Amino acid sequence: MEYQLLHEGSNAVLKVCLQPGEHIKAESGAMVAKTGHLVIEGKMWGGAMNALKRSVLGGETFFFQEVSATEGAGEVLLAPSPPGDVKVIHISGGQDYFVKSGCMLAAMDQIEMDTKAQKLTSGLFSGAGLFVLHLKGNGGFAVSAFGAIMEIDIPPGEKYMVDNGHLVAWSGDTSYEIVKAGKNWVSSFTSGEGLGCMFTGPGRVYIQTRNPEAFGAWVRRFVPTTSG
C-alpha cells in the first residue's frame, strides 16, 4: 500500500494506491474518486459495539467506508469535508495516539480503533469531548484539520500549551491538564483565550492552525438576522 498527499494545504487530498488483496478504511463520505474495479462497502469497524461507542460517545459516524482491491490493484482519492490539511501518522511497536472527534480521515487495516473516556474536566473543557478516539497497531492513519496541521515535539519534562479549539491528535505517552491561558481568570477571558490544554513531555501533539468554532462565530457576524 502506498499513499501520496496531493494539493497539501487547504485543499488536501489523500491518494492511496492499493495492491491486490489490500484495503483501507475511511470516514463515511470521504471518497472523492476511485479506480472502477475497487470495491467500496460500508462496515462497522471493530464490530457493532465499538461502532456504537464511536457514534454515540465519540461523535463519529457509525459506519466507515472500506475500500478493497479484491479484483485487482487500483487507487482511491480521499478528502475531508472541511477545507484544510491532511497528515498521515505512522505508529508501531506498541505506540498509540488519541484523535479529537471529527479529525479522523482514514486508516490502514492493521490499525485498531476504540473510544476512550477522558477525565470529566478534560472532556468538558479541552474541546476534544468526553470521549476521544484511541488508535494503536502497526501502520498509518490519516487525520484532517481546519487549516494547516503542525507537528509539535515536546521534550521530556517540558510543558506546551495548546488552545483547546486547535487540538487534532496527541501521542499516548503524553498527558495534559486544563489550565487558564492567562495569569488569572480575568486576563484569560479578557484576552479571548480562556482555557488551554497544558501538555507535559515527552510526546507529540498535532494542532490545526484554525479553530472551527471561532471561524463559525466570525462568519455569523456577517449573517443578516431576521426579525419577526
Protein backbone atom coordinates (compact mmCIF):
# COMPACT_ATOMS: atom_id res chain seq x y z
CA MET A 1 0.00 0.00 0.00
CA GLU A 2 1.35 3.40 -1.00
CA TYR A 3 -0.04 6.85 -0.38
CA GLN A 4 0.59 10.38 -1.60
CA LEU A 5 -0.69 13.72 -0.31
CA LEU A 6 -1.90 15.95 -3.13
CA HIS A 7 -2.65 19.70 -3.02
CA GLU A 8 -1.35 19.96 0.54
CA GLY A 9 -2.84 22.84 2.47
CA SER A 10 -6.43 23.99 2.42
CA ASN A 11 -7.43 21.56 -0.37
CA ALA A 12 -5.53 18.42 0.63
CA VAL A 13 -6.38 15.07 -0.93
CA LEU A 14 -5.01 11.67 0.14
CA LYS A 15 -4.24 9.34 -2.78
CA VAL A 16 -3.95 5.69 -1.74
CA CYS A 17 -2.67 3.01 -4.15
CA LEU A 18 -3.88 -0.48 -3.20
CA GLN A 19 -2.32 -3.74 -4.33
CA PRO A 20 -4.45 -6.88 -4.84
CA GLY A 21 -5.88 -8.02 -1.51
CA GLU A 22 -5.24 -4.75 0.33
CA HIS A 23 -7.91 -2.45 1.74
CA ILE A 24 -8.20 0.80 3.67
CA LYS A 25 -10.87 2.19 5.98
CA ALA A 26 -12.06 5.78 5.63
CA GLU A 27 -14.56 8.14 7.22
CA SER A 28 -18.03 7.90 5.69
CA GLY A 29 -18.32 10.26 2.73
CA ALA A 30 -14.55 10.77 2.40
CA MET A 31 -14.17 9.18 -1.05
CA VAL A 32 -13.61 11.65 -3.89
CA ALA A 33 -12.90 9.16 -6.68
CA LYS A 34 -11.56 5.65 -7.23
CA THR A 35 -10.48 3.17 -9.86
CA GLY A 36 -13.57 1.48 -11.28
CA HIS A 37 -12.88 -2.06 -10.07
CA LEU A 38 -12.11 -1.15 -6.45
CA VAL A 39 -14.92 -2.31 -4.14
CA ILE A 40 -16.37 0.09 -1.57
CA GLU A 41 -18.56 -1.09 1.31
CA GLY A 42 -19.98 0.40 4.49
CA LYS A 43 -18.75 -1.53 7.53
CA MET A 44 -18.71 -1.30 11.32
CA TRP A 45 -15.06 -1.01 12.30
CA GLY A 46 -14.35 -3.35 15.21
CA GLY A 47 -17.88 -4.75 15.41
CA ALA A 48 -21.27 -3.37 16.37
CA MET A 49 -20.42 -2.40 19.95
CA ASN A 50 -17.28 -0.47 19.02
CA ALA A 51 -19.14 1.24 16.17
CA LEU A 52 -21.94 2.22 18.56
CA LYS A 53 -19.43 3.63 21.07
CA ARG A 54 -17.71 5.71 18.38
CA SER A 55 -21.03 7.04 17.12
CA VAL A 56 -22.79 7.77 20.42
CA LEU A 57 -19.82 8.63 22.63
CA GLY A 58 -17.15 9.76 20.21
CA GLY A 59 -19.27 11.75 17.78
CA GLU A 60 -18.04 9.77 14.77
CA THR A 61 -20.09 8.07 12.07
CA PHE A 62 -21.49 4.61 12.84
CA PHE A 63 -20.24 3.15 9.54
CA PHE A 64 -16.85 3.53 7.91
CA GLN A 65 -16.07 3.03 4.24
CA GLU A 66 -13.87 0.07 3.41
CA VAL A 67 -12.21 0.32 0.01
CA SER A 68 -10.81 -3.03 -1.16
CA ALA A 69 -8.67 -4.16 -4.08
CA THR A 70 -10.33 -7.56 -4.33
CA GLU A 71 -10.42 -7.50 -8.12
CA GLY A 72 -7.00 -6.01 -8.83
CA ALA A 73 -4.80 -3.05 -7.96
CA GLY A 74 -6.17 0.47 -8.04
CA GLU A 75 -6.24 3.89 -6.41
CA VAL A 76 -8.69 5.87 -4.31
CA LEU A 77 -8.77 9.59 -3.53
CA LEU A 78 -9.93 10.61 -0.04
CA ALA A 79 -10.64 14.08 1.36
CA PRO A 80 -12.29 15.58 4.46
CA SER A 81 -15.43 17.70 4.29
CA PRO A 82 -14.00 20.98 5.67
CA PRO A 83 -11.16 22.84 3.90
CA GLY A 84 -7.85 22.01 5.49
CA ASP A 85 -4.74 19.88 5.63
CA VAL A 86 -4.29 16.11 5.88
CA LYS A 87 -1.47 14.37 7.76
CA VAL A 88 -0.50 10.68 7.81
CA ILE A 89 0.80 9.47 11.19
CA HIS A 90 2.74 6.20 11.49
CA ILE A 91 2.71 4.04 14.62
CA SER A 92 4.35 0.72 15.53
CA GLY A 93 5.70 -1.31 18.42
CA GLY A 94 3.05 -0.52 20.99
CA GLN A 95 2.69 3.17 20.16
CA ASP A 96 -0.77 4.71 20.42
CA TYR A 97 -2.49 8.00 19.65
CA PHE A 98 -5.59 9.89 20.64
CA VAL A 99 -7.56 11.76 17.97
CA LYS A 100 -10.09 14.50 18.55
CA SER A 101 -13.63 13.76 17.36
CA GLY A 102 -14.16 14.84 13.76
CA CYS A 103 -10.45 14.77 12.81
CA MET A 104 -10.19 11.11 11.75
CA LEU A 105 -9.98 10.54 7.97
CA ALA A 106 -8.61 7.06 7.19
CA ALA A 107 -6.50 4.16 8.49
CA MET A 108 -4.73 1.08 7.22
CA ASP A 109 -6.28 -2.25 8.13
CA GLN A 110 -3.60 -3.02 10.75
CA ILE A 111 -4.76 -0.07 12.85
CA GLU A 112 -7.17 -0.77 15.73
CA MET A 113 -9.53 1.96 16.89
CA ASP A 114 -11.63 2.31 20.03
CA THR A 115 -13.27 5.07 22.06
CA LYS A 116 -11.68 6.12 25.35
CA ALA A 117 -13.21 8.19 28.14
CA GLN A 118 -11.35 11.24 29.41
CA LYS A 119 -11.36 12.81 32.83
CA LEU A 120 -14.52 14.85 33.34
CA THR A 121 -12.71 18.19 33.48
CA SER A 122 -10.56 17.37 30.45
CA GLY A 123 -13.54 16.21 28.43
CA LEU A 124 -15.72 19.21 29.25
CA PHE A 125 -13.14 21.91 28.70
CA SER A 126 -10.46 20.53 26.35
CA GLY A 127 -12.56 20.87 23.20
CA ALA A 128 -11.95 17.18 22.44
CA GLY A 129 -15.11 15.90 24.16
CA LEU A 130 -15.66 13.42 26.97
CA PHE A 131 -14.69 10.58 24.63
CA VAL A 132 -11.85 10.55 22.10
CA LEU A 133 -10.68 8.03 19.51
CA HIS A 134 -7.82 5.77 20.59
CA LEU A 135 -5.67 4.20 17.86
CA LYS A 136 -2.97 1.55 18.11
CA GLY A 137 -1.35 -1.12 15.95
CA ASN A 138 1.19 -1.11 13.12
CA GLY A 139 0.80 1.14 10.11
CA GLY A 140 -0.51 4.57 9.33
CA PHE A 141 -3.64 6.61 9.80
CA ALA A 142 -4.66 9.98 8.37
CA VAL A 143 -6.09 12.92 10.28
CA SER A 144 -7.65 16.06 8.85
CA ALA A 145 -7.88 19.59 10.17
CA PHE A 146 -9.31 23.04 9.59
CA GLY A 147 -6.33 24.98 8.24
CA ALA A 148 -2.80 23.59 8.26
CA ILE A 149 -1.52 20.84 10.56
CA MET A 150 1.54 21.49 12.71
CA GLU A 151 3.58 18.77 14.44
CA ILE A 152 4.91 19.70 17.89
CA ASP A 153 7.54 17.52 19.62
CA ILE A 154 7.65 18.12 23.38
CA PRO A 155 10.92 17.17 25.15
CA PRO A 156 10.78 15.21 28.43
CA GLY A 157 9.65 17.32 31.35
CA GLU A 158 8.78 20.36 29.26
CA LYS A 159 5.29 21.83 29.05
CA TYR A 160 3.44 23.12 25.99
CA MET A 161 0.01 24.75 25.98
CA VAL A 162 -2.47 24.39 23.10
CA ASP A 163 -5.69 26.36 22.76
CA ASN A 164 -8.50 23.85 23.17
CA GLY A 165 -10.01 24.64 19.76
CA HIS A 166 -6.79 23.81 17.91
CA LEU A 167 -6.22 20.22 19.07
CA VAL A 168 -6.12 17.42 16.45
CA ALA A 169 -4.20 14.45 17.90
CA TRP A 170 -1.62 13.59 20.55
CA SER A 171 0.61 10.61 21.36
CA GLY A 172 -0.32 8.26 24.15
CA ASP A 173 2.94 8.88 26.02
CA THR A 174 2.00 12.47 26.84
CA SER A 175 -0.64 13.84 29.18
CA TYR A 176 -2.39 17.15 29.60
CA GLU A 177 -4.36 19.18 32.09
CA ILE A 178 -6.76 22.09 31.64
CA VAL A 179 -5.24 25.43 32.62
CA LYS A 180 -6.00 29.15 32.35
CA ALA A 181 -4.45 30.72 29.26
CA GLY A 182 -3.59 33.91 31.18
CA LYS A 183 -2.11 34.60 34.59
CA ASN A 184 -5.57 34.71 36.13
CA TRP A 185 -9.21 34.22 35.13
CA VAL A 186 -9.71 37.90 34.31
CA SER A 187 -6.73 38.10 31.95
CA SER A 188 -7.65 34.74 30.40
CA PHE A 189 -11.17 35.73 29.42
CA THR A 190 -10.46 39.38 28.56
CA SER A 191 -7.71 38.21 26.19
CA GLY A 192 -10.21 35.98 24.38
CA GLU A 193 -8.22 32.82 25.10
CA GLY A 194 -9.95 31.34 28.17
CA LEU A 195 -8.78 27.75 28.71
CA GLY A 196 -5.97 25.73 27.20
CA CYS A 197 -4.54 22.21 27.29
CA MET A 198 -1.14 22.06 29.01
CA PHE A 199 0.77 19.03 27.71
CA THR A 200 3.76 17.56 29.52
CA GLY A 201 6.52 15.84 27.53
CA PRO A 202 7.77 13.61 26.27
CA GLY A 203 5.28 13.33 23.47
CA ARG A 204 3.99 14.68 20.20
CA VAL A 205 0.96 16.87 19.55
CA TYR A 206 -0.70 17.75 16.25
CA ILE A 207 -2.56 21.04 16.08
CA GLN A 208 -4.69 22.84 13.49
CA THR A 209 -3.91 26.44 12.62
CA ARG A 210 -7.57 27.46 12.54
CA ASN A 211 -10.30 26.99 15.16
CA PRO A 212 -13.56 25.74 13.58
CA GLU A 213 -15.75 27.16 16.35
CA ALA A 214 -14.04 30.55 16.26
CA PHE A 215 -14.39 30.64 12.48
CA GLY A 216 -18.09 29.80 12.77
CA ALA A 217 -18.56 32.65 15.24
CA TRP A 218 -16.74 35.01 12.88
CA VAL A 219 -18.95 34.03 9.94
CA ARG A 220 -22.13 34.52 11.99
CA ARG A 221 -21.19 38.17 12.48
CA PHE A 222 -21.89 38.75 8.79
CA VAL A 223 -25.12 36.73 8.53
CA PRO A 224 -28.17 39.03 8.46
CA THR A 225 -30.62 38.42 11.28
CA THR A 226 -34.32 38.13 10.57
CA SER A 227 -36.94 39.80 12.69
CA GLY A 228 -40.49 38.67 13.21
